[in-house]
N, C-alpha and C. Protein backbone atom coordinates (compact mmCIF):
# COMPACT_ATOMS: atom_id res chain seq x y z
N MET A 1 -3.09 -33.63 -3.82
CA MET A 1 -3.94 -32.49 -3.83
C MET A 1 -4.74 -32.48 -2.52
N LEU A 2 -6.02 -32.50 -2.58
CA LEU A 2 -6.82 -32.57 -1.35
C LEU A 2 -6.97 -34.02 -0.93
N HIS A 3 -7.24 -34.23 0.34
CA HIS A 3 -7.44 -35.60 0.81
C HIS A 3 -8.46 -35.60 1.94
N CYS A 4 -9.60 -36.20 1.69
CA CYS A 4 -10.62 -36.23 2.72
C CYS A 4 -10.78 -37.65 3.28
N GLY A 5 -10.09 -38.61 2.73
CA GLY A 5 -10.14 -39.96 3.24
C GLY A 5 -11.23 -40.83 2.65
N GLN A 6 -12.03 -40.30 1.74
CA GLN A 6 -13.07 -41.12 1.13
C GLN A 6 -12.46 -42.02 0.07
N GLY A 7 -13.05 -43.16 -0.12
CA GLY A 7 -12.56 -44.09 -1.12
C GLY A 7 -12.98 -43.69 -2.52
N GLY A 8 -12.35 -44.30 -3.48
CA GLY A 8 -12.67 -44.04 -4.88
C GLY A 8 -12.01 -42.78 -5.38
N TYR A 9 -11.61 -42.78 -6.61
CA TYR A 9 -10.92 -41.64 -7.19
C TYR A 9 -11.49 -41.32 -8.56
N SER A 10 -11.30 -40.09 -8.98
CA SER A 10 -11.72 -39.68 -10.32
C SER A 10 -10.74 -38.65 -10.84
N ILE A 11 -10.69 -38.54 -12.16
CA ILE A 11 -9.81 -37.57 -12.80
C ILE A 11 -10.57 -36.26 -12.97
N HIS A 12 -9.91 -35.19 -12.59
CA HIS A 12 -10.50 -33.86 -12.64
C HIS A 12 -9.75 -33.00 -13.64
N HIS A 13 -10.47 -32.34 -14.53
CA HIS A 13 -9.88 -31.36 -15.45
C HIS A 13 -9.76 -30.03 -14.71
N ARG A 14 -8.56 -29.53 -14.54
CA ARG A 14 -8.37 -28.24 -13.87
C ARG A 14 -9.00 -27.12 -14.68
N LYS A 15 -8.76 -27.11 -15.97
CA LYS A 15 -9.41 -26.14 -16.87
C LYS A 15 -10.44 -26.94 -17.65
N PRO A 16 -11.71 -26.74 -17.37
CA PRO A 16 -12.77 -27.55 -17.99
C PRO A 16 -12.76 -27.43 -19.51
N PRO A 17 -12.93 -28.55 -20.21
CA PRO A 17 -12.95 -28.50 -21.67
C PRO A 17 -14.20 -27.87 -22.24
N GLY A 18 -15.26 -27.78 -21.47
CA GLY A 18 -16.50 -27.18 -21.95
C GLY A 18 -17.44 -28.20 -22.56
N ILE A 19 -18.64 -27.77 -22.79
CA ILE A 19 -19.65 -28.65 -23.39
C ILE A 19 -19.20 -29.00 -24.80
N GLY A 20 -19.26 -30.26 -25.13
CA GLY A 20 -18.82 -30.72 -26.45
C GLY A 20 -17.37 -31.14 -26.46
N GLY A 21 -16.66 -30.96 -25.33
CA GLY A 21 -15.27 -31.39 -25.26
C GLY A 21 -14.32 -30.43 -25.96
N SER A 22 -13.13 -30.91 -26.21
CA SER A 22 -12.10 -30.10 -26.84
C SER A 22 -11.13 -30.99 -27.59
N LYS A 23 -10.62 -30.50 -28.71
CA LYS A 23 -9.60 -31.22 -29.46
C LYS A 23 -8.21 -30.77 -29.06
N ASP A 24 -8.12 -29.80 -28.18
CA ASP A 24 -6.84 -29.30 -27.70
C ASP A 24 -6.18 -30.38 -26.83
N PRO A 25 -5.00 -30.89 -27.19
CA PRO A 25 -4.37 -31.95 -26.41
C PRO A 25 -4.02 -31.53 -24.99
N VAL A 26 -3.86 -30.23 -24.75
CA VAL A 26 -3.57 -29.75 -23.39
C VAL A 26 -4.73 -30.06 -22.45
N MET A 27 -5.95 -30.02 -22.95
CA MET A 27 -7.13 -30.26 -22.12
C MET A 27 -7.12 -31.65 -21.48
N HIS A 28 -6.53 -32.61 -22.15
CA HIS A 28 -6.52 -33.98 -21.64
C HIS A 28 -5.11 -34.45 -21.32
N GLY A 29 -4.20 -33.49 -21.12
CA GLY A 29 -2.81 -33.80 -20.83
C GLY A 29 -2.49 -33.70 -19.35
N PRO A 30 -1.28 -34.12 -18.97
CA PRO A 30 -0.87 -34.16 -17.56
C PRO A 30 -0.92 -32.84 -16.82
N SER A 31 -0.74 -31.72 -17.51
CA SER A 31 -0.76 -30.43 -16.79
C SER A 31 -2.17 -30.01 -16.41
N ASN A 32 -3.17 -30.62 -17.01
CA ASN A 32 -4.55 -30.21 -16.76
C ASN A 32 -5.35 -31.26 -15.98
N LEU A 33 -4.77 -32.41 -15.72
CA LEU A 33 -5.51 -33.49 -15.06
C LEU A 33 -4.92 -33.78 -13.68
N ILE A 34 -5.79 -33.90 -12.69
CA ILE A 34 -5.35 -34.32 -11.36
C ILE A 34 -6.29 -35.40 -10.85
N LEU A 35 -5.77 -36.26 -10.01
CA LEU A 35 -6.54 -37.33 -9.41
C LEU A 35 -7.05 -36.87 -8.05
N LEU A 36 -8.36 -36.92 -7.87
CA LEU A 36 -8.98 -36.53 -6.61
C LEU A 36 -9.84 -37.66 -6.08
N CYS A 37 -9.94 -37.77 -4.77
CA CYS A 37 -10.83 -38.78 -4.21
C CYS A 37 -12.28 -38.34 -4.44
N GLY A 38 -13.16 -39.33 -4.53
CA GLY A 38 -14.58 -39.05 -4.74
C GLY A 38 -14.93 -38.94 -6.20
N SER A 39 -16.13 -38.47 -6.43
CA SER A 39 -16.62 -38.25 -7.79
C SER A 39 -16.83 -36.74 -7.95
N GLY A 40 -17.48 -36.33 -8.99
CA GLY A 40 -17.75 -34.91 -9.18
C GLY A 40 -18.72 -34.34 -8.16
N VAL A 41 -19.35 -35.20 -7.35
CA VAL A 41 -20.30 -34.72 -6.33
C VAL A 41 -19.95 -35.21 -4.92
N THR A 42 -18.95 -36.07 -4.78
CA THR A 42 -18.54 -36.56 -3.47
C THR A 42 -17.04 -36.33 -3.27
N GLY A 43 -16.60 -36.48 -2.03
CA GLY A 43 -15.17 -36.38 -1.71
C GLY A 43 -14.57 -35.05 -2.13
N CYS A 44 -13.27 -35.09 -2.36
CA CYS A 44 -12.56 -33.87 -2.74
C CYS A 44 -12.97 -33.36 -4.11
N HIS A 45 -13.29 -34.27 -5.02
CA HIS A 45 -13.75 -33.83 -6.34
C HIS A 45 -15.06 -33.05 -6.19
N GLY A 46 -15.95 -33.54 -5.35
CA GLY A 46 -17.19 -32.82 -5.08
C GLY A 46 -16.94 -31.48 -4.41
N TRP A 47 -15.95 -31.44 -3.49
CA TRP A 47 -15.61 -30.19 -2.83
C TRP A 47 -15.14 -29.16 -3.85
N VAL A 48 -14.28 -29.57 -4.77
CA VAL A 48 -13.78 -28.65 -5.80
C VAL A 48 -14.94 -28.08 -6.61
N GLU A 49 -15.86 -28.95 -7.01
CA GLU A 49 -16.98 -28.50 -7.85
C GLU A 49 -17.94 -27.58 -7.10
N SER A 50 -18.07 -27.75 -5.79
CA SER A 50 -19.01 -26.92 -5.04
C SER A 50 -18.36 -25.74 -4.33
N HIS A 51 -17.03 -25.62 -4.40
CA HIS A 51 -16.29 -24.51 -3.79
C HIS A 51 -15.32 -23.93 -4.83
N ARG A 52 -15.86 -23.53 -5.95
CA ARG A 52 -15.05 -23.12 -7.09
C ARG A 52 -14.10 -21.95 -6.80
N PRO A 53 -14.50 -20.89 -6.08
CA PRO A 53 -13.54 -19.81 -5.81
C PRO A 53 -12.34 -20.29 -4.98
N GLN A 54 -12.60 -21.09 -3.94
CA GLN A 54 -11.51 -21.60 -3.12
C GLN A 54 -10.63 -22.57 -3.91
N ALA A 55 -11.26 -23.40 -4.74
CA ALA A 55 -10.51 -24.35 -5.56
C ALA A 55 -9.64 -23.61 -6.57
N THR A 56 -10.11 -22.49 -7.08
CA THR A 56 -9.32 -21.68 -8.00
C THR A 56 -8.11 -21.10 -7.27
N ASP A 57 -8.31 -20.63 -6.04
CA ASP A 57 -7.20 -20.09 -5.24
C ASP A 57 -6.13 -21.15 -4.99
N LEU A 58 -6.52 -22.42 -4.93
CA LEU A 58 -5.58 -23.51 -4.69
C LEU A 58 -5.01 -24.09 -5.99
N GLY A 59 -5.42 -23.54 -7.14
CA GLY A 59 -4.93 -24.03 -8.42
C GLY A 59 -5.61 -25.30 -8.90
N LEU A 60 -6.63 -25.73 -8.18
CA LEU A 60 -7.35 -26.94 -8.56
C LEU A 60 -8.29 -26.68 -9.73
N LEU A 61 -8.62 -25.43 -9.96
CA LEU A 61 -9.42 -25.01 -11.10
C LEU A 61 -8.70 -23.87 -11.81
N VAL A 62 -8.78 -23.88 -13.12
CA VAL A 62 -8.33 -22.77 -13.96
C VAL A 62 -9.57 -22.34 -14.73
N PRO A 63 -10.05 -21.12 -14.53
CA PRO A 63 -11.29 -20.70 -15.18
C PRO A 63 -11.24 -20.91 -16.70
N ARG A 64 -12.31 -21.43 -17.23
CA ARG A 64 -12.40 -21.73 -18.66
C ARG A 64 -12.14 -20.50 -19.52
N ASN A 65 -12.61 -19.33 -19.06
CA ASN A 65 -12.44 -18.10 -19.84
C ASN A 65 -11.09 -17.44 -19.62
N SER A 66 -10.23 -18.02 -18.79
CA SER A 66 -8.91 -17.48 -18.53
C SER A 66 -7.98 -17.74 -19.71
N LEU A 67 -7.09 -16.79 -19.96
CA LEU A 67 -6.07 -16.99 -20.99
C LEU A 67 -4.92 -17.85 -20.49
N ALA A 68 -4.87 -18.08 -19.17
CA ALA A 68 -3.80 -18.88 -18.58
C ALA A 68 -3.92 -20.35 -18.99
N LEU A 69 -2.78 -20.95 -19.24
CA LEU A 69 -2.72 -22.39 -19.48
C LEU A 69 -2.55 -23.09 -18.14
N PRO A 70 -2.88 -24.36 -18.04
CA PRO A 70 -2.68 -25.08 -16.78
C PRO A 70 -1.23 -25.02 -16.29
N THR A 71 -0.26 -24.96 -17.20
CA THR A 71 1.14 -24.86 -16.80
C THR A 71 1.48 -23.51 -16.17
N ASP A 72 0.61 -22.53 -16.34
CA ASP A 72 0.83 -21.20 -15.76
C ASP A 72 0.31 -21.09 -14.33
N VAL A 73 -0.47 -22.07 -13.90
CA VAL A 73 -1.16 -21.98 -12.61
C VAL A 73 -0.67 -23.07 -11.66
N PRO A 74 0.09 -22.69 -10.62
CA PRO A 74 0.55 -23.69 -9.65
C PRO A 74 -0.62 -24.31 -8.89
N VAL A 75 -0.37 -25.51 -8.37
CA VAL A 75 -1.36 -26.27 -7.60
C VAL A 75 -0.80 -26.51 -6.20
N LYS A 76 -1.64 -26.33 -5.20
CA LYS A 76 -1.23 -26.61 -3.82
C LYS A 76 -1.43 -28.09 -3.54
N ARG A 77 -0.36 -28.80 -3.23
CA ARG A 77 -0.46 -30.21 -2.85
C ARG A 77 -1.00 -30.30 -1.43
N TRP A 78 -1.71 -31.39 -1.14
CA TRP A 78 -2.28 -31.60 0.18
C TRP A 78 -1.17 -31.60 1.23
N GLY A 79 -1.26 -30.68 2.18
CA GLY A 79 -0.31 -30.62 3.29
C GLY A 79 1.12 -30.42 2.87
N SER A 80 1.33 -29.80 1.72
CA SER A 80 2.68 -29.73 1.20
C SER A 80 2.89 -28.41 0.43
N GLU A 81 3.81 -28.46 -0.51
CA GLU A 81 4.20 -27.27 -1.24
C GLU A 81 3.35 -27.02 -2.48
N TRP A 82 3.62 -25.90 -3.11
CA TRP A 82 3.01 -25.57 -4.39
C TRP A 82 3.84 -26.24 -5.48
N VAL A 83 3.16 -26.74 -6.51
CA VAL A 83 3.84 -27.35 -7.65
C VAL A 83 3.22 -26.83 -8.93
N THR A 84 4.00 -26.89 -9.99
CA THR A 84 3.50 -26.54 -11.31
C THR A 84 3.56 -27.80 -12.16
N LEU A 85 2.43 -28.18 -12.72
CA LEU A 85 2.34 -29.38 -13.54
C LEU A 85 2.72 -29.04 -14.98
N GLN A 86 3.54 -29.90 -15.58
CA GLN A 86 4.05 -29.67 -16.92
C GLN A 86 3.32 -30.53 -17.96
N HIS A 87 3.38 -30.10 -19.21
CA HIS A 87 2.70 -30.83 -20.29
C HIS A 87 3.28 -32.24 -20.46
N ASP A 88 4.56 -32.44 -20.14
CA ASP A 88 5.20 -33.75 -20.33
C ASP A 88 5.01 -34.68 -19.12
N GLY A 89 4.24 -34.23 -18.12
CA GLY A 89 4.03 -35.04 -16.93
C GLY A 89 4.96 -34.71 -15.79
N GLY A 90 5.92 -33.84 -16.02
CA GLY A 90 6.85 -33.44 -14.96
C GLY A 90 6.17 -32.48 -13.99
N VAL A 91 6.85 -32.31 -12.84
CA VAL A 91 6.34 -31.45 -11.78
C VAL A 91 7.47 -30.55 -11.32
N LEU A 92 7.23 -29.25 -11.30
CA LEU A 92 8.20 -28.29 -10.75
C LEU A 92 7.74 -27.94 -9.34
N VAL A 93 8.59 -28.15 -8.35
CA VAL A 93 8.23 -27.94 -6.96
C VAL A 93 8.62 -26.53 -6.51
N GLY A 94 7.73 -25.94 -5.72
CA GLY A 94 8.02 -24.64 -5.12
C GLY A 94 7.97 -23.47 -6.09
N VAL A 95 7.20 -23.62 -7.13
CA VAL A 95 7.12 -22.54 -8.13
C VAL A 95 5.85 -21.75 -7.92
């Protein structure tokens, strides 16, 4: 995904589960989770949280109020192609 060179990584929910979490297995599944450097306030994870419109354009965020599932929204890989993340952990390239 993004790469700023900072150490440390954290898991980012593309479509936020919301306050109180979610029992929907998609929320915590491979199509909705990406690994980003930094934390929610540093590195690329911090960039996503503070640049939400741009992160949405890159597929790094799926708006909570959107009817789209994470599998419907391609993600731009760092310096590479667009991919679609699947519920089973697979990746479709160039979609």
